[in-house]
């Protein structure tokens, strides 16, 4: 979805992204803003980039 925003296929105002996290036994929900380049305001806490080789391996597996 974010890629399509960056490509201009989706208006960022038409997309809602929510981040859920557990905080002191309660679920905290935060709405993240999406800019016109498909980026999320503040990024995603605790989200780690996928290793490129592993991602390529995944894509290759999906083609099979």
PDB file of N, CA and C in Angstrom:
ATOM      1  N   UNK A   1       0.826  -1.191   0.000  1.00  0.00           N
ATOM      2  CA  UNK A   1       0.000   0.000   0.000  1.00  0.00           C
ATOM      3  C   UNK A   1       0.870   1.254   0.000  1.00  0.00           C
ATOM      4  N   UNK A   2       1.910   1.247   0.834  1.00  0.00           N
ATOM      5  CA  UNK A   2       2.779   2.420   0.904  1.00  0.00           C
ATOM      6  C   UNK A   2       3.525   2.635  -0.412  1.00  0.00           C
ATOM      7  N   UNK A   3       3.882   1.551  -1.077  1.00  0.00           N
ATOM      8  CA  UNK A   3       4.527   1.664  -2.378  1.00  0.00           C
ATOM      9  C   UNK A   3       3.589   2.319  -3.378  1.00  0.00           C
ATOM     10  N   UNK A   4       2.329   1.953  -3.336  1.00  0.00           N
ATOM     11  CA  UNK A   4       1.345   2.548  -4.246  1.00  0.00           C
ATOM     12  C   UNK A   4       1.120   4.021  -3.956  1.00  0.00           C
ATOM     13  N   UNK A   5       1.242   4.430  -2.712  1.00  0.00           N
ATOM     14  CA  UNK A   5       1.177   5.852  -2.383  1.00  0.00           C
ATOM     15  C   UNK A   5       2.377   6.556  -3.022  1.00  0.00           C
ATOM     16  N   UNK A   6       3.566   5.982  -2.849  1.00  0.00           N
ATOM     17  CA  UNK A   6       4.781   6.571  -3.404  1.00  0.00           C
ATOM     18  C   UNK A   6       4.706   6.665  -4.931  1.00  0.00           C
ATOM     19  N   UNK A   7       4.041   5.707  -5.565  1.00  0.00           N
ATOM     20  CA  UNK A   7       3.896   5.711  -7.026  1.00  0.00           C
ATOM     21  C   UNK A   7       2.771   6.623  -7.507  1.00  0.00           C
ATOM     22  N   UNK A   8       2.025   7.199  -6.571  1.00  0.00           N
ATOM     23  CA  UNK A   8       0.937   8.093  -6.932  1.00  0.00           C
ATOM     24  C   UNK A   8      -0.354   7.392  -7.289  1.00  0.00           C
ATOM     25  N   UNK A   9      -0.443   6.088  -7.022  1.00  0.00           N
ATOM     26  CA  UNK A   9      -1.648   5.310  -7.340  1.00  0.00           C
ATOM     27  C   UNK A   9      -2.702   5.408  -6.251  1.00  0.00           C
ATOM     28  N   UNK A  10      -2.281   5.737  -5.035  1.00  0.00           N
ATOM     29  CA  UNK A  10      -3.199   5.882  -3.903  1.00  0.00           C
ATOM     30  C   UNK A  10      -2.917   7.224  -3.245  1.00  0.00           C
ATOM     31  N   UNK A  11      -3.954   7.969  -2.955  1.00  0.00           N
ATOM     32  CA  UNK A  11      -3.838   9.224  -2.226  1.00  0.00           C
ATOM     33  C   UNK A  11      -3.591   8.885  -0.756  1.00  0.00           C
ATOM     34  N   UNK A  12      -2.562   9.450  -0.120  1.00  0.00           N
ATOM     35  CA  UNK A  12      -2.290   9.106   1.280  1.00  0.00           C
ATOM     36  C   UNK A  12      -3.450   9.435   2.223  1.00  0.00           C
ATOM     37  N   UNK A  13      -4.323  10.350   1.821  1.00  0.00           N
ATOM     38  CA  UNK A  13      -5.490  10.690   2.645  1.00  0.00           C
ATOM     39  C   UNK A  13      -6.543   9.582   2.626  1.00  0.00           C
ATOM     40  N   UNK A  14      -6.403   8.646   1.675  1.00  0.00           N
ATOM     41  CA  UNK A  14      -7.341   7.534   1.554  1.00  0.00           C
ATOM     42  C   UNK A  14      -6.856   6.284   2.273  1.00  0.00           C
ATOM     43  N   UNK A  15      -5.734   6.396   2.970  1.00  0.00           N
ATOM     44  CA  UNK A  15      -5.132   5.245   3.634  1.00  0.00           C
ATOM     45  C   UNK A  15      -4.977   5.543   5.122  1.00  0.00           C
ATOM     46  N   UNK A  16      -5.357   4.588   5.950  1.00  0.00           N
ATOM     47  CA  UNK A  16      -5.175   4.729   7.394  1.00  0.00           C
ATOM     48  C   UNK A  16      -4.292   3.585   7.878  1.00  0.00           C
ATOM     49  N   UNK A  17      -3.269   3.939   8.652  1.00  0.00           N
ATOM     50  CA  UNK A  17      -2.366   2.944   9.217  1.00  0.00           C
ATOM     51  C   UNK A  17      -2.384   3.120  10.731  1.00  0.00           C
ATOM     52  N   UNK A  18      -2.651   2.016  11.425  1.00  0.00           N
ATOM     53  CA  UNK A  18      -2.693   2.055  12.879  1.00  0.00           C
ATOM     54  C   UNK A  18      -1.602   1.160  13.448  1.00  0.00           C
ATOM     55  N   UNK A  19      -0.959   1.646  14.505  1.00  0.00           N
ATOM     56  CA  UNK A  19       0.096   0.895  15.188  1.00  0.00           C
ATOM     57  C   UNK A  19      -0.434   0.483  16.558  1.00  0.00           C
ATOM     58  N   UNK A  20      -0.364  -0.811  16.849  1.00  0.00           N
ATOM     59  CA  UNK A  20      -0.837  -1.350  18.111  1.00  0.00           C
ATOM     60  C   UNK A  20       0.356  -1.797  18.945  1.00  0.00           C
ATOM     61  N   UNK A  21       0.343  -1.439  20.224  1.00  0.00           N
ATOM     62  CA  UNK A  21       1.396  -1.905  21.117  1.00  0.00           C
ATOM     63  C   UNK A  21       0.809  -2.144  22.503  1.00  0.00           C
ATOM     64  N   UNK A  22       1.380  -3.112  23.184  1.00  0.00           N
ATOM     65  CA  UNK A  22       0.951  -3.441  24.537  1.00  0.00           C
ATOM     66  C   UNK A  22       1.732  -2.577  25.512  1.00  0.00           C
ATOM     67  N   UNK A  23       1.009  -1.859  26.359  1.00  0.00           N
ATOM     68  CA  UNK A  23       1.650  -0.959  27.311  1.00  0.00           C
ATOM     69  C   UNK A  23       0.969  -1.115  28.671  1.00  0.00           C
ATOM     70  N   UNK A  24       1.701  -1.659  29.625  1.00  0.00           N
ATOM     71  CA  UNK A  24       1.200  -1.858  30.994  1.00  0.00           C
ATOM     72  C   UNK A  24      -0.116  -2.626  31.019  1.00  0.00           C
ATOM     73  N   UNK A  25      -0.201  -3.657  30.195  1.00  0.00           N
ATOM     74  CA  UNK A  25      -1.383  -4.517  30.189  1.00  0.00           C
ATOM     75  C   UNK A  25      -2.532  -4.002  29.338  1.00  0.00           C
ATOM     76  N   UNK A  26      -2.356  -2.876  28.689  1.00  0.00           N
ATOM     77  CA  UNK A  26      -3.402  -2.301  27.849  1.00  0.00           C
ATOM     78  C   UNK A  26      -2.876  -2.145  26.427  1.00  0.00           C
ATOM     79  N   UNK A  27      -3.795  -2.203  25.481  1.00  0.00           N
ATOM     80  CA  UNK A  27      -3.408  -1.996  24.096  1.00  0.00           C
ATOM     81  C   UNK A  27      -3.504  -0.518  23.770  1.00  0.00           C
ATOM     82  N   UNK A  28      -2.386   0.025  23.293  1.00  0.00           N
ATOM     83  CA  UNK A  28      -2.332   1.423  22.885  1.00  0.00           C
ATOM     84  C   UNK A  28      -2.375   1.451  21.363  1.00  0.00           C
ATOM     85  N   UNK A  29      -3.287   2.254  20.811  1.00  0.00           N
ATOM     86  CA  UNK A  29      -3.455   2.354  19.367  1.00  0.00           C
ATOM     87  C   UNK A  29      -3.084   3.772  18.931  1.00  0.00           C
ATOM     88  N   UNK A  30      -2.201   3.852  17.932  1.00  0.00           N
ATOM     89  CA  UNK A  30      -1.778   5.144  17.415  1.00  0.00           C
ATOM     90  C   UNK A  30      -2.001   5.174  15.913  1.00  0.00           C
ATOM     91  N   UNK A  31      -2.661   6.215  15.429  1.00  0.00           N
ATOM     92  CA  UNK A  31      -2.842   6.379  13.983  1.00  0.00           C
ATOM     93  C   UNK A  31      -1.595   7.079  13.451  1.00  0.00           C
ATOM     94  N   UNK A  32      -0.965   6.457  12.445  1.00  0.00           N
ATOM     95  CA  UNK A  32       0.241   7.018  11.847  1.00  0.00           C
ATOM     96  C   UNK A  32      -0.120   7.758  10.565  1.00  0.00           C
ATOM     97  N   UNK A  33       0.476   8.920  10.379  1.00  0.00           N
ATOM     98  CA  UNK A  33       0.249   9.674   9.147  1.00  0.00           C
ATOM     99  C   UNK A  33       1.121   9.097   8.038  1.00  0.00           C
ATOM    100  N   UNK A  34       0.563   9.089   6.840  1.00  0.00           N
ATOM    101  CA  UNK A  34       1.286   8.643   5.653  1.00  0.00           C
ATOM    102  C   UNK A  34       1.513   9.877   4.788  1.00  0.00           C
ATOM    103  N   UNK A  35       2.787  10.117   4.396  1.00  0.00           N
ATOM    104  CA  UNK A  35       3.043  11.269   3.535  1.00  0.00           C
ATOM    105  C   UNK A  35       2.914  10.867   2.067  1.00  0.00           C
ATOM    106  N   UNK A  36       3.074  11.835   1.169  1.00  0.00           N
ATOM    107  CA  UNK A  36       2.867  11.568  -0.252  1.00  0.00           C
ATOM    108  C   UNK A  36       3.965  10.705  -0.873  1.00  0.00           C
ATOM    109  N   UNK A  37       5.005  10.390  -0.103  1.00  0.00           N
ATOM    110  CA  UNK A  37       6.056   9.489  -0.572  1.00  0.00           C
ATOM    111  C   UNK A  37       5.908   8.087   0.018  1.00  0.00           C
ATOM    112  N   UNK A  38       4.792   7.843   0.718  1.00  0.00           N
ATOM    113  CA  UNK A  38       4.526   6.523   1.281  1.00  0.00           C
ATOM    114  C   UNK A  38       5.259   6.243   2.578  1.00  0.00           C
ATOM    115  N   UNK A  39       5.747   7.280   3.218  1.00  0.00           N
ATOM    116  CA  UNK A  39       6.473   7.101   4.484  1.00  0.00           C
ATOM    117  C   UNK A  39       5.529   7.311   5.659  1.00  0.00           C
ATOM    118  N   UNK A  40       5.781   6.576   6.730  1.00  0.00           N
ATOM    119  CA  UNK A  40       4.983   6.689   7.941  1.00  0.00           C
ATOM    120  C   UNK A  40       5.639   7.655   8.906  1.00  0.00           C
ATOM    121  N   UNK A  41       4.833   8.541   9.482  1.00  0.00           N
ATOM    122  CA  UNK A  41       5.374   9.475  10.462  1.00  0.00           C
ATOM    123  C   UNK A  41       5.878   8.708  11.676  1.00  0.00           C
ATOM    124  N   UNK A  42       7.111   8.948  12.056  1.00  0.00           N
ATOM    125  CA  UNK A  42       7.679   8.272  13.226  1.00  0.00           C
ATOM    126  C   UNK A  42       8.136   6.859  12.967  1.00  0.00           C
ATOM    127  N   UNK A  43       7.906   6.320  11.773  1.00  0.00           N
ATOM    128  CA  UNK A  43       8.297   4.937  11.490  1.00  0.00           C
ATOM    129  C   UNK A  43       7.525   3.956  12.351  1.00  0.00           C
ATOM    130  N   UNK A  44       8.035   2.751  12.442  1.00  0.00           N
ATOM    131  CA  UNK A  44       7.408   1.716  13.262  1.00  0.00           C
ATOM    132  C   UNK A  44       8.371   1.307  14.371  1.00  0.00           C
ATOM    133  N   UNK A  45       7.999   1.564  15.595  1.00  0.00           N
ATOM    134  CA  UNK A  45       8.842   1.175  16.721  1.00  0.00           C
ATOM    135  C   UNK A  45       8.996  -0.339  16.749  1.00  0.00           C
ATOM    136  N   UNK A  46      10.220  -0.802  16.959  1.00  0.00           N
ATOM    137  CA  UNK A  46      10.446  -2.237  17.089  1.00  0.00           C
ATOM    138  C   UNK A  46      10.403  -3.001  15.779  1.00  0.00           C
ATOM    139  N   UNK A  47      10.277  -2.302  14.667  1.00  0.00           N
ATOM    140  CA  UNK A  47      10.230  -2.971  13.368  1.00  0.00           C
ATOM    141  C   UNK A  47      11.629  -2.990  12.785  1.00  0.00           C
ATOM    142  N   UNK A  48      12.114  -4.176  12.459  1.00  0.00           N
ATOM    143  CA  UNK A  48      13.468  -4.319  11.932  1.00  0.00           C
ATOM    144  C   UNK A  48      13.420  -4.586  10.438  1.00  0.00           C
ATOM    145  N   UNK A  49      14.325  -3.964   9.713  1.00  0.00           N
ATOM    146  CA  UNK A  49      14.412  -4.174   8.273  1.00  0.00           C
ATOM    147  C   UNK A  49      14.723  -5.636   7.993  1.00  0.00           C
ATOM    148  N   UNK A  50      14.091  -6.177   6.969  1.00  0.00           N
ATOM    149  CA  UNK A  50      14.338  -7.559   6.568  1.00  0.00           C
ATOM    150  C   UNK A  50      15.660  -7.628   5.834  1.00  0.00           C
ATOM    151  N   UNK A  51      16.453  -8.618   6.150  1.00  0.00           N
ATOM    152  CA  UNK A  51      17.711  -8.822   5.441  1.00  0.00           C
ATOM    153  C   UNK A  51      17.409  -9.029   3.961  1.00  0.00           C
ATOM    154  N   UNK A  52      18.117  -8.320   3.083  1.00  0.00           N
ATOM    155  CA  UNK A  52      17.835  -8.345   1.648  1.00  0.00           C
ATOM    156  C   UNK A  52      17.902  -9.747   1.064  1.00  0.00           C
ATOM    157  N   UNK A  53      18.914 -10.522   1.443  1.00  0.00           N
ATOM    158  CA  UNK A  53      19.020 -11.882   0.904  1.00  0.00           C
ATOM    159  C   UNK A  53      17.839 -12.741   1.331  1.00  0.00           C
ATOM    160  N   UNK A  54      17.418 -12.599   2.569  1.00  0.00           N
ATOM    161  CA  UNK A  54      16.277 -13.381   3.054  1.00  0.00           C
ATOM    162  C   UNK A  54      15.008 -12.968   2.319  1.00  0.00           C
ATOM    163  N   UNK A  55      14.869 -11.685   2.058  1.00  0.00           N
ATOM    164  CA  UNK A  55      13.701 -11.193   1.340  1.00  0.00           C
ATOM    165  C   UNK A  55      13.691 -11.722  -0.094  1.00  0.00           C
ATOM    166  N   UNK A  56      14.856 -11.708  -0.738  1.00  0.00           N
ATOM    167  CA  UNK A  56      14.951 -12.254  -2.088  1.00  0.00           C
ATOM    168  C   UNK A  56      14.610 -13.745  -2.086  1.00  0.00           C
ATOM    169  N   UNK A  57      15.067 -14.443  -1.077  1.00  0.00           N
ATOM    170  CA  UNK A  57      14.756 -15.874  -0.933  1.00  0.00           C
ATOM    171  C   UNK A  57      13.236 -16.070  -0.817  1.00  0.00           C
ATOM    172  N   UNK A  58      12.603 -15.215  -0.031  1.00  0.00           N
ATOM    173  CA  UNK A  58      11.147 -15.281   0.139  1.00  0.00           C
ATOM    174  C   UNK A  58      10.444 -15.061  -1.190  1.00  0.00           C
ATOM    175  N   UNK A  59      10.876 -14.040  -1.930  1.00  0.00           N
ATOM    176  CA  UNK A  59      10.255 -13.747  -3.216  1.00  0.00           C
ATOM    177  C   UNK A  59      10.426 -14.911  -4.176  1.00  0.00           C
ATOM    178  N   UNK A  60      11.616 -15.529  -4.172  1.00  0.00           N
ATOM    179  CA  UNK A  60      11.853 -16.684  -5.028  1.00  0.00           C
ATOM    180  C   UNK A  60      10.953 -17.843  -4.670  1.00  0.00           C
ATOM    181  N   UNK A  61      10.702 -18.042  -3.386  1.00  0.00           N
ATOM    182  CA  UNK A  61       9.830 -19.129  -2.933  1.00  0.00           C
ATOM    183  C   UNK A  61       8.398 -18.888  -3.374  1.00  0.00           C
ATOM    184  N   UNK A  62       7.978 -17.624  -3.418  1.00  0.00           N
ATOM    185  CA  UNK A  62       6.607 -17.303  -3.807  1.00  0.00           C
ATOM    186  C   UNK A  62       6.380 -17.528  -5.300  1.00  0.00           C
ATOM    187  N   UNK A  63       7.450 -17.489  -6.097  1.00  0.00           N
ATOM    188  CA  UNK A  63       7.332 -17.711  -7.543  1.00  0.00           C
ATOM    189  C   UNK A  63       7.155 -19.179  -7.880  1.00  0.00           C
ATOM    190  N   UNK A  64       7.643 -20.043  -6.989  1.00  0.00           N
ATOM    191  CA  UNK A  64       7.608 -21.491  -7.246  1.00  0.00           C
ATOM    192  C   UNK A  64       6.222 -22.059  -7.134  1.00  0.00           C
TER     193      UNK A  64
END
